[in-house]
Amino acid sequence: MKALKTLIRLRNLELDRQRRQLTAMEEERAQMLAALRELDEQQQQEASLAGAVIAADATADGAANPALFAFGAYANALLQRREDLKMAIAEIDERIETQRERTAAAFREVKKFEKLLENHLRREKREADRREQAMLDEIALTGFRNKKGAGC
């Protein structure tokens, strides 16, 4: 039984490790989602700023402001970073799902050993109760015999 308790303790440590890994991955995913939202906000701000520059800064001959050409490259870089983040989020989602499966398996393993210990303890209690009852029965039988032998 001591070995079983040790095994349960080891499995609980493994389950805790699996849970910590899952939590770290979920935190990483949350950071990526926050970065994606921030990137979207930044893109909207820059687009509205570029629109304002176009409206206010067109030259008399119809030539566009050279800063707008830089905005195009910047917007493309933002789109590429956005796509990279989406791919990274999809990848971590797969890793999270795999980790959830590992964590669930570790949990099932702990429960299996805990149930085994519970069954073992229940069997021991039943056996102790049986021995106690046998002892009480023997005491009662001995008392009955003594009374019968004494002529009562």
N, C-alpha and C. Protein backbone atom coordinates (compact mmCIF):
# COMPACT_ATOMS: atom_id res chain seq x y z
N MET A 1 0.82 -1.19 0.00
CA MET A 1 0.00 0.00 0.00
C MET A 1 0.87 1.26 0.00
N LYS A 2 2.00 1.21 0.68
CA LYS A 2 2.90 2.35 0.71
C LYS A 2 3.39 2.66 -0.71
N ALA A 3 3.68 1.61 -1.47
CA ALA A 3 4.12 1.79 -2.85
C ALA A 3 3.02 2.44 -3.69
N LEU A 4 1.78 2.07 -3.44
CA LEU A 4 0.66 2.64 -4.17
C LEU A 4 0.50 4.13 -3.85
N LYS A 5 0.67 4.48 -2.59
CA LYS A 5 0.59 5.90 -2.20
C LYS A 5 1.72 6.70 -2.85
N THR A 6 2.90 6.10 -2.90
CA THR A 6 4.03 6.76 -3.56
C THR A 6 3.75 6.94 -5.05
N LEU A 7 3.21 5.92 -5.64
CA LEU A 7 2.87 5.98 -7.07
C LEU A 7 1.82 7.07 -7.33
N ILE A 8 0.84 7.18 -6.47
CA ILE A 8 -0.18 8.24 -6.61
C ILE A 8 0.48 9.61 -6.49
N ARG A 9 1.38 9.76 -5.53
CA ARG A 9 2.07 11.04 -5.35
C ARG A 9 2.88 11.39 -6.60
N LEU A 10 3.58 10.40 -7.17
CA LEU A 10 4.35 10.65 -8.39
C LEU A 10 3.44 11.04 -9.56
N ARG A 11 2.32 10.33 -9.68
CA ARG A 11 1.38 10.64 -10.76
C ARG A 11 0.76 12.03 -10.57
N ASN A 12 0.53 12.42 -9.33
CA ASN A 12 0.02 13.77 -9.07
C ASN A 12 1.05 14.83 -9.46
N LEU A 13 2.31 14.56 -9.20
CA LEU A 13 3.36 15.49 -9.62
C LEU A 13 3.38 15.62 -11.14
N GLU A 14 3.24 14.50 -11.83
CA GLU A 14 3.20 14.52 -13.29
C GLU A 14 1.98 15.29 -13.79
N LEU A 15 0.85 15.08 -13.14
CA LEU A 15 -0.36 15.81 -13.52
C LEU A 15 -0.17 17.31 -13.32
N ASP A 16 0.44 17.70 -12.21
CA ASP A 16 0.71 19.12 -11.97
C ASP A 16 1.63 19.70 -13.04
N ARG A 17 2.64 18.93 -13.44
CA ARG A 17 3.55 19.39 -14.49
C ARG A 17 2.79 19.58 -15.81
N GLN A 18 1.94 18.64 -16.13
CA GLN A 18 1.15 18.73 -17.36
C GLN A 18 0.23 19.96 -17.32
N ARG A 19 -0.36 20.21 -16.17
CA ARG A 19 -1.25 21.37 -16.02
C ARG A 19 -0.47 22.68 -16.17
N ARG A 20 0.73 22.72 -15.58
CA ARG A 20 1.54 23.94 -15.71
C ARG A 20 1.91 24.20 -17.17
N GLN A 21 2.25 23.13 -17.90
CA GLN A 21 2.58 23.30 -19.32
C GLN A 21 1.36 23.80 -20.09
N LEU A 22 0.20 23.25 -19.79
CA LEU A 22 -1.03 23.69 -20.47
C LEU A 22 -1.32 25.15 -20.17
N THR A 23 -1.15 25.54 -18.93
CA THR A 23 -1.38 26.93 -18.54
C THR A 23 -0.41 27.87 -19.26
N ALA A 24 0.84 27.47 -19.35
CA ALA A 24 1.84 28.30 -20.04
C ALA A 24 1.47 28.46 -21.52
N MET A 25 1.02 27.39 -22.14
CA MET A 25 0.63 27.47 -23.55
C MET A 25 -0.59 28.36 -23.73
N GLU A 26 -1.55 28.27 -22.82
CA GLU A 26 -2.73 29.11 -22.91
C GLU A 26 -2.38 30.58 -22.70
N GLU A 27 -1.43 30.85 -21.81
CA GLU A 27 -0.97 32.23 -21.60
C GLU A 27 -0.26 32.74 -22.86
N GLU A 28 0.54 31.89 -23.47
CA GLU A 28 1.23 32.27 -24.71
C GLU A 28 0.21 32.60 -25.80
N ARG A 29 -0.84 31.80 -25.90
CA ARG A 29 -1.90 32.04 -26.89
C ARG A 29 -2.59 33.37 -26.60
N ALA A 30 -2.87 33.64 -25.33
CA ALA A 30 -3.52 34.90 -24.96
C ALA A 30 -2.64 36.10 -25.34
N GLN A 31 -1.33 35.96 -25.16
CA GLN A 31 -0.43 37.04 -25.55
C GLN A 31 -0.44 37.25 -27.06
N MET A 32 -0.50 36.16 -27.80
CA MET A 32 -0.55 36.27 -29.26
C MET A 32 -1.85 36.93 -29.72
N LEU A 33 -2.94 36.58 -29.08
CA LEU A 33 -4.23 37.21 -29.43
C LEU A 33 -4.20 38.70 -29.10
N ALA A 34 -3.60 39.06 -27.98
CA ALA A 34 -3.48 40.47 -27.61
C ALA A 34 -2.61 41.21 -28.63
N ALA A 35 -1.53 40.58 -29.07
CA ALA A 35 -0.67 41.20 -30.08
C ALA A 35 -1.41 41.37 -31.40
N LEU A 36 -2.25 40.40 -31.74
CA LEU A 36 -3.04 40.49 -32.97
C LEU A 36 -4.04 41.63 -32.89
N ARG A 37 -4.71 41.76 -31.75
CA ARG A 37 -5.65 42.88 -31.56
C ARG A 37 -4.92 44.22 -31.65
N GLU A 38 -3.77 44.27 -31.01
CA GLU A 38 -2.97 45.50 -31.02
C GLU A 38 -2.54 45.85 -32.45
N LEU A 39 -2.17 44.86 -33.21
CA LEU A 39 -1.77 45.04 -34.60
C LEU A 39 -2.94 45.56 -35.44
N ASP A 40 -4.13 45.00 -35.21
CA ASP A 40 -5.32 45.46 -35.93
C ASP A 40 -5.63 46.92 -35.60
N GLU A 41 -5.54 47.26 -34.31
CA GLU A 41 -5.77 48.65 -33.89
C GLU A 41 -4.75 49.59 -34.54
N GLN A 42 -3.51 49.16 -34.53
CA GLN A 42 -2.44 49.96 -35.13
C GLN A 42 -2.69 50.15 -36.62
N GLN A 43 -3.12 49.11 -37.30
CA GLN A 43 -3.40 49.20 -38.73
C GLN A 43 -4.55 50.18 -39.00
N GLN A 44 -5.58 50.14 -38.18
CA GLN A 44 -6.71 51.05 -38.36
C GLN A 44 -6.28 52.50 -38.12
N GLN A 45 -5.48 52.72 -37.10
CA GLN A 45 -4.99 54.07 -36.81
C GLN A 45 -4.15 54.60 -37.97
N GLU A 46 -3.24 53.76 -38.47
CA GLU A 46 -2.37 54.19 -39.56
C GLU A 46 -3.17 54.42 -40.85
N ALA A 47 -4.18 53.61 -41.09
CA ALA A 47 -5.00 53.79 -42.30
C ALA A 47 -5.79 55.09 -42.22
N SER A 48 -6.34 55.40 -41.06
CA SER A 48 -7.09 56.66 -40.93
C SER A 48 -6.15 57.85 -41.03
N LEU A 49 -4.94 57.71 -40.50
CA LEU A 49 -3.95 58.79 -40.62
C LEU A 49 -3.55 58.98 -42.08
N ALA A 50 -3.36 57.89 -42.81
CA ALA A 50 -3.00 57.99 -44.23
C ALA A 50 -4.14 58.63 -45.01
N GLY A 51 -5.37 58.31 -44.68
CA GLY A 51 -6.53 58.93 -45.34
C GLY A 51 -6.56 60.43 -45.10
N ALA A 52 -6.24 60.83 -43.90
CA ALA A 52 -6.21 62.26 -43.58
C ALA A 52 -5.08 62.95 -44.33
N VAL A 53 -3.95 62.29 -44.47
CA VAL A 53 -2.82 62.87 -45.21
C VAL A 53 -3.18 63.03 -46.68
N ILE A 54 -3.86 62.05 -47.23
CA ILE A 54 -4.26 62.12 -48.64
C ILE A 54 -5.19 63.30 -48.85
N ALA A 55 -6.14 63.47 -47.96
CA ALA A 55 -7.12 64.55 -48.11
C ALA A 55 -6.48 65.91 -47.91
N ALA A 56 -5.58 66.02 -46.98
CA ALA A 56 -5.04 67.33 -46.63
C ALA A 56 -3.76 67.70 -47.35
N ASP A 57 -3.03 66.73 -47.88
CA ASP A 57 -1.69 67.03 -48.33
C ASP A 57 -1.46 66.78 -49.82
N ALA A 58 -2.51 66.74 -50.60
CA ALA A 58 -2.30 66.56 -52.04
C ALA A 58 -1.72 67.86 -52.59
N THR A 59 -0.73 67.74 -53.42
CA THR A 59 -0.11 68.93 -54.00
C THR A 59 -0.97 69.46 -55.14
N ALA A 60 -0.67 70.62 -55.54
CA ALA A 60 -1.47 71.29 -56.57
C ALA A 60 -1.41 70.55 -57.90
N ASP A 61 -0.31 69.92 -58.22
CA ASP A 61 -0.21 69.23 -59.51
C ASP A 61 -0.76 67.80 -59.45
N GLY A 62 -1.37 67.41 -58.30
CA GLY A 62 -2.00 66.10 -58.19
C GLY A 62 -1.05 64.99 -57.77
N ALA A 63 0.21 65.30 -57.49
CA ALA A 63 1.16 64.28 -57.06
C ALA A 63 0.89 63.92 -55.60
N ALA A 64 1.03 62.68 -55.29
CA ALA A 64 0.78 62.23 -53.93
C ALA A 64 1.99 62.49 -53.05
N ASN A 65 1.77 62.59 -51.80
CA ASN A 65 2.81 62.78 -50.82
C ASN A 65 3.71 61.54 -50.80
N PRO A 66 5.04 61.70 -50.84
CA PRO A 66 5.95 60.55 -50.84
C PRO A 66 5.81 59.67 -49.60
N ALA A 67 5.30 60.23 -48.51
CA ALA A 67 5.12 59.44 -47.29
C ALA A 67 4.08 58.34 -47.50
N LEU A 68 3.16 58.57 -48.43
CA LEU A 68 2.12 57.57 -48.68
C LEU A 68 2.70 56.31 -49.32
N PHE A 69 3.78 56.46 -50.08
CA PHE A 69 4.42 55.27 -50.65
C PHE A 69 5.00 54.40 -49.54
N ALA A 70 5.55 55.04 -48.54
CA ALA A 70 6.09 54.31 -47.39
C ALA A 70 4.96 53.62 -46.63
N PHE A 71 3.79 54.27 -46.62
CA PHE A 71 2.66 53.65 -45.92
C PHE A 71 2.28 52.32 -46.58
N GLY A 72 2.36 52.24 -47.88
CA GLY A 72 2.03 51.00 -48.58
C GLY A 72 2.93 49.86 -48.13
N ALA A 73 4.23 50.13 -48.04
CA ALA A 73 5.17 49.10 -47.58
C ALA A 73 4.90 48.74 -46.12
N TYR A 74 4.58 49.77 -45.33
CA TYR A 74 4.28 49.55 -43.92
C TYR A 74 3.02 48.70 -43.78
N ALA A 75 1.99 49.00 -44.56
CA ALA A 75 0.74 48.25 -44.51
C ALA A 75 0.97 46.79 -44.91
N ASN A 76 1.80 46.58 -45.92
CA ASN A 76 2.12 45.21 -46.32
C ASN A 76 2.85 44.46 -45.22
N ALA A 77 3.76 45.14 -44.55
CA ALA A 77 4.49 44.51 -43.44
C ALA A 77 3.53 44.17 -42.30
N LEU A 78 2.58 45.07 -42.04
CA LEU A 78 1.58 44.80 -41.00
C LEU A 78 0.74 43.57 -41.36
N LEU A 79 0.33 43.50 -42.61
CA LEU A 79 -0.46 42.35 -43.06
C LEU A 79 0.34 41.05 -42.93
N GLN A 80 1.62 41.11 -43.27
CA GLN A 80 2.46 39.91 -43.15
C GLN A 80 2.61 39.49 -41.68
N ARG A 81 2.82 40.47 -40.79
CA ARG A 81 2.93 40.16 -39.36
C ARG A 81 1.63 39.57 -38.83
N ARG A 82 0.51 40.12 -39.34
CA ARG A 82 -0.82 39.64 -38.93
C ARG A 82 -0.99 38.18 -39.35
N GLU A 83 -0.62 37.86 -40.58
CA GLU A 83 -0.72 36.48 -41.06
C GLU A 83 0.21 35.55 -40.28
N ASP A 84 1.41 36.04 -39.99
CA ASP A 84 2.35 35.23 -39.19
C ASP A 84 1.78 34.93 -37.81
N LEU A 85 1.15 35.95 -37.19
CA LEU A 85 0.54 35.74 -35.88
C LEU A 85 -0.62 34.75 -35.95
N LYS A 86 -1.42 34.85 -37.00
CA LYS A 86 -2.54 33.91 -37.16
C LYS A 86 -2.02 32.48 -37.30
N MET A 87 -0.95 32.30 -38.06
CA MET A 87 -0.37 30.97 -38.22
C MET A 87 0.19 30.46 -36.90
N ALA A 88 0.84 31.35 -36.14
CA ALA A 88 1.40 30.96 -34.84
C ALA A 88 0.27 30.59 -33.87
N ILE A 89 -0.84 31.32 -33.93
CA ILE A 89 -1.99 31.02 -33.07
C ILE A 89 -2.57 29.66 -33.44
N ALA A 90 -2.68 29.39 -34.73
CA ALA A 90 -3.20 28.08 -35.16
C ALA A 90 -2.28 26.95 -34.70
N GLU A 91 -0.97 27.19 -34.77
CA GLU A 91 -0.01 26.18 -34.34
C GLU A 91 -0.11 25.93 -32.84
N ILE A 92 -0.22 27.01 -32.07
CA ILE A 92 -0.29 26.82 -30.61
C ILE A 92 -1.63 26.21 -30.22
N ASP A 93 -2.69 26.48 -30.99
CA ASP A 93 -3.97 25.83 -30.72
C ASP A 93 -3.84 24.31 -30.85
N GLU A 94 -3.10 23.87 -31.85
CA GLU A 94 -2.87 22.42 -32.01
C GLU A 94 -2.06 21.88 -30.84
N ARG A 95 -1.03 22.63 -30.44
CA ARG A 95 -0.20 22.19 -29.31
C ARG A 95 -1.01 22.16 -28.02
N ILE A 96 -1.91 23.14 -27.86
CA ILE A 96 -2.76 23.18 -26.66
C ILE A 96 -3.68 21.96 -26.64
N GLU A 97 -4.26 21.63 -27.77
CA GLU A 97 -5.15 20.48 -27.84
C GLU A 97 -4.39 19.19 -27.48
N THR A 98 -3.18 19.06 -28.01
CA THR A 98 -2.35 17.89 -27.68
C THR A 98 -2.04 17.86 -26.19
N GLN A 99 -1.72 19.02 -25.63
CA GLN A 99 -1.39 19.10 -24.20
C GLN A 99 -2.62 18.80 -23.35
N ARG A 100 -3.79 19.23 -23.79
CA ARG A 100 -5.02 18.91 -23.06
C ARG A 100 -5.24 17.40 -23.01
N GLU A 101 -4.96 16.75 -24.12
CA GLU A 101 -5.10 15.29 -24.16
C GLU A 101 -4.11 14.63 -23.21
N ARG A 102 -2.87 15.14 -23.17
CA ARG A 102 -1.87 14.59 -22.25
C ARG A 102 -2.29 14.81 -20.79
N THR A 103 -2.81 16.00 -20.52
CA THR A 103 -3.25 16.33 -19.16
C THR A 103 -4.42 15.43 -18.76
N ALA A 104 -5.36 15.23 -19.67
CA ALA A 104 -6.50 14.35 -19.38
C ALA A 104 -6.03 12.92 -19.13
N ALA A 105 -5.05 12.47 -19.90
CA ALA A 105 -4.51 11.12 -19.70
C ALA A 105 -3.83 11.01 -18.34
N ALA A 106 -3.09 12.03 -17.95
CA ALA A 106 -2.43 12.03 -16.64
C ALA A 106 -3.48 12.03 -15.52
N PHE A 107 -4.55 12.77 -15.71
CA PHE A 107 -5.63 12.81 -14.73
C PHE A 107 -6.29 11.42 -14.59
N ARG A 108 -6.56 10.79 -15.73
CA ARG A 108 -7.14 9.45 -15.70
C ARG A 108 -6.22 8.47 -14.98
N GLU A 109 -4.92 8.61 -15.20
CA GLU A 109 -3.95 7.74 -14.55
C GLU A 109 -3.98 7.92 -13.03
N VAL A 110 -4.04 9.17 -12.58
CA VAL A 110 -4.11 9.44 -11.14
C VAL A 110 -5.39 8.83 -10.56
N LYS A 111 -6.50 9.06 -11.25
CA LYS A 111 -7.78 8.54 -10.76
C LYS A 111 -7.78 7.01 -10.71
N LYS A 112 -7.14 6.39 -11.68
CA LYS A 112 -7.07 4.92 -11.70
C LYS A 112 -6.35 4.41 -10.45
N PHE A 113 -5.21 5.03 -10.10
CA PHE A 113 -4.47 4.59 -8.93
C PHE A 113 -5.19 4.95 -7.63
N GLU A 114 -5.86 6.09 -7.61
CA GLU A 114 -6.62 6.45 -6.42
C GLU A 114 -7.77 5.46 -6.20
N LYS A 115 -8.42 5.06 -7.26
CA LYS A 115 -9.50 4.07 -7.16
C LYS A 115 -8.93 2.73 -6.69
N LEU A 116 -7.77 2.37 -7.19
CA LEU A 116 -7.12 1.14 -6.77
C LEU A 116 -6.82 1.18 -5.27
N LEU A 117 -6.31 2.30 -4.79
CA LEU A 117 -6.04 2.46 -3.36
C LEU A 117 -7.34 2.39 -2.56
N GLU A 118 -8.36 3.05 -3.04
CA GLU A 118 -9.65 3.04 -2.37
C GLU A 118 -10.18 1.60 -2.25
N ASN A 119 -10.09 0.86 -3.34
CA ASN A 119 -10.54 -0.54 -3.31
C ASN A 119 -9.71 -1.37 -2.33
N HIS A 120 -8.41 -1.14 -2.32
CA HIS A 120 -7.52 -1.86 -1.41
C HIS A 120 -7.90 -1.55 0.05
N LEU A 121 -8.12 -0.28 0.35
CA LEU A 121 -8.48 0.11 1.72
C LEU A 121 -9.84 -0.48 2.10
N ARG A 122 -10.77 -0.51 1.16
CA ARG A 122 -12.09 -1.07 1.43
C ARG A 122 -11.96 -2.58 1.72
N ARG A 123 -11.13 -3.30 0.95
CA ARG A 123 -10.91 -4.73 1.19
C ARG A 123 -10.27 -4.96 2.56
N GLU A 124 -9.30 -4.13 2.91
CA GLU A 124 -8.65 -4.26 4.22
C GLU A 124 -9.65 -4.03 5.35
N LYS A 125 -10.51 -3.05 5.19
CA LYS A 125 -11.52 -2.75 6.22
C LYS A 125 -12.50 -3.91 6.34
N ARG A 126 -12.93 -4.44 5.20
CA ARG A 126 -13.84 -5.58 5.22
C ARG A 126 -13.20 -6.78 5.94
N GLU A 127 -11.94 -7.03 5.65
CA GLU A 127 -11.22 -8.13 6.29
C GLU A 127 -11.07 -7.89 7.79
N ALA A 128 -10.76 -6.65 8.18
CA ALA A 128 -10.64 -6.34 9.60
C ALA A 128 -12.00 -6.48 10.29
N ASP A 129 -13.06 -6.03 9.64
CA ASP A 129 -14.41 -6.19 10.20
C ASP A 129 -14.77 -7.67 10.35
N ARG A 130 -14.40 -8.48 9.36
CA ARG A 130 -14.69 -9.92 9.41
C ARG A 130 -13.94 -10.56 10.58
N ARG A 131 -12.65 -10.20 10.74
CA ARG A 131 -11.87 -10.75 11.85
C ARG A 131 -12.46 -10.32 13.20
N GLU A 132 -12.85 -9.07 13.31
CA GLU A 132 -13.44 -8.58 14.55
C GLU A 132 -14.74 -9.32 14.86
N GLN A 133 -15.57 -9.51 13.83
CA GLN A 133 -16.83 -10.23 14.03
C GLN A 133 -16.58 -11.67 14.44
N ALA A 134 -15.58 -12.31 13.82
CA ALA A 134 -15.24 -13.68 14.19
C ALA A 134 -14.79 -13.75 15.64
N MET A 135 -14.01 -12.76 16.06
CA MET A 135 -13.54 -12.72 17.44
C MET A 135 -14.72 -12.52 18.39
N LEU A 136 -15.63 -11.61 18.06
CA LEU A 136 -16.81 -11.38 18.90
C LEU A 136 -17.69 -12.63 18.96
N ASP A 137 -17.83 -13.30 17.84
CA ASP A 137 -18.61 -14.53 17.80
C ASP A 137 -17.97 -15.59 18.71
N GLU A 138 -16.66 -15.70 18.69
CA GLU A 138 -15.94 -16.66 19.52
C GLU A 138 -16.12 -16.33 20.99
N ILE A 139 -16.08 -15.05 21.33
CA ILE A 139 -16.27 -14.62 22.72
C ILE A 139 -17.69 -14.98 23.17
N ALA A 140 -18.66 -14.70 22.32
CA ALA A 140 -20.05 -15.01 22.67
C ALA A 140 -20.25 -16.52 22.82
N LEU A 141 -19.67 -17.28 21.92
CA LEU A 141 -19.81 -18.74 21.98
C LEU A 141 -19.15 -19.30 23.24
N THR A 142 -18.00 -18.76 23.58
CA THR A 142 -17.30 -19.21 24.79
C THR A 142 -18.14 -18.87 26.02
N GLY A 143 -18.71 -17.69 26.03
CA GLY A 143 -19.58 -17.30 27.16
C GLY A 143 -20.79 -18.19 27.25
N PHE A 144 -21.38 -18.52 26.14
CA PHE A 144 -22.55 -19.41 26.13
C PHE A 144 -22.19 -20.79 26.66
N ARG A 145 -21.04 -21.30 26.20
CA ARG A 145 -20.59 -22.62 26.66
C ARG A 145 -20.33 -22.63 28.18
N ASN A 146 -19.72 -21.54 28.65
CA ASN A 146 -19.42 -21.45 30.08
C ASN A 146 -20.71 -21.43 30.90
N LYS A 147 -21.72 -20.70 30.41
CA LYS A 147 -22.99 -20.65 31.14
C LYS A 147 -23.68 -22.00 31.10
N LYS A 148 -23.62 -22.65 29.98
CA LYS A 148 -24.26 -23.96 29.81
C LYS A 148 -23.55 -25.00 30.69
N GLY A 149 -22.27 -24.90 30.72
CA GLY A 149 -21.47 -25.83 31.53
C GLY A 149 -21.65 -25.58 33.00
N ALA A 150 -21.96 -24.40 33.43
CA ALA A 150 -22.14 -24.06 34.82
C ALA A 150 -23.52 -24.49 35.31
N GLY A 151 -24.38 -24.92 34.38
CA GLY A 151 -25.67 -25.43 34.77
C GLY A 151 -26.74 -24.38 34.81
N CYS A 152 -26.58 -23.34 34.18
CA CYS A 152 -27.60 -22.31 34.22
C CYS A 152 -28.75 -22.61 33.34
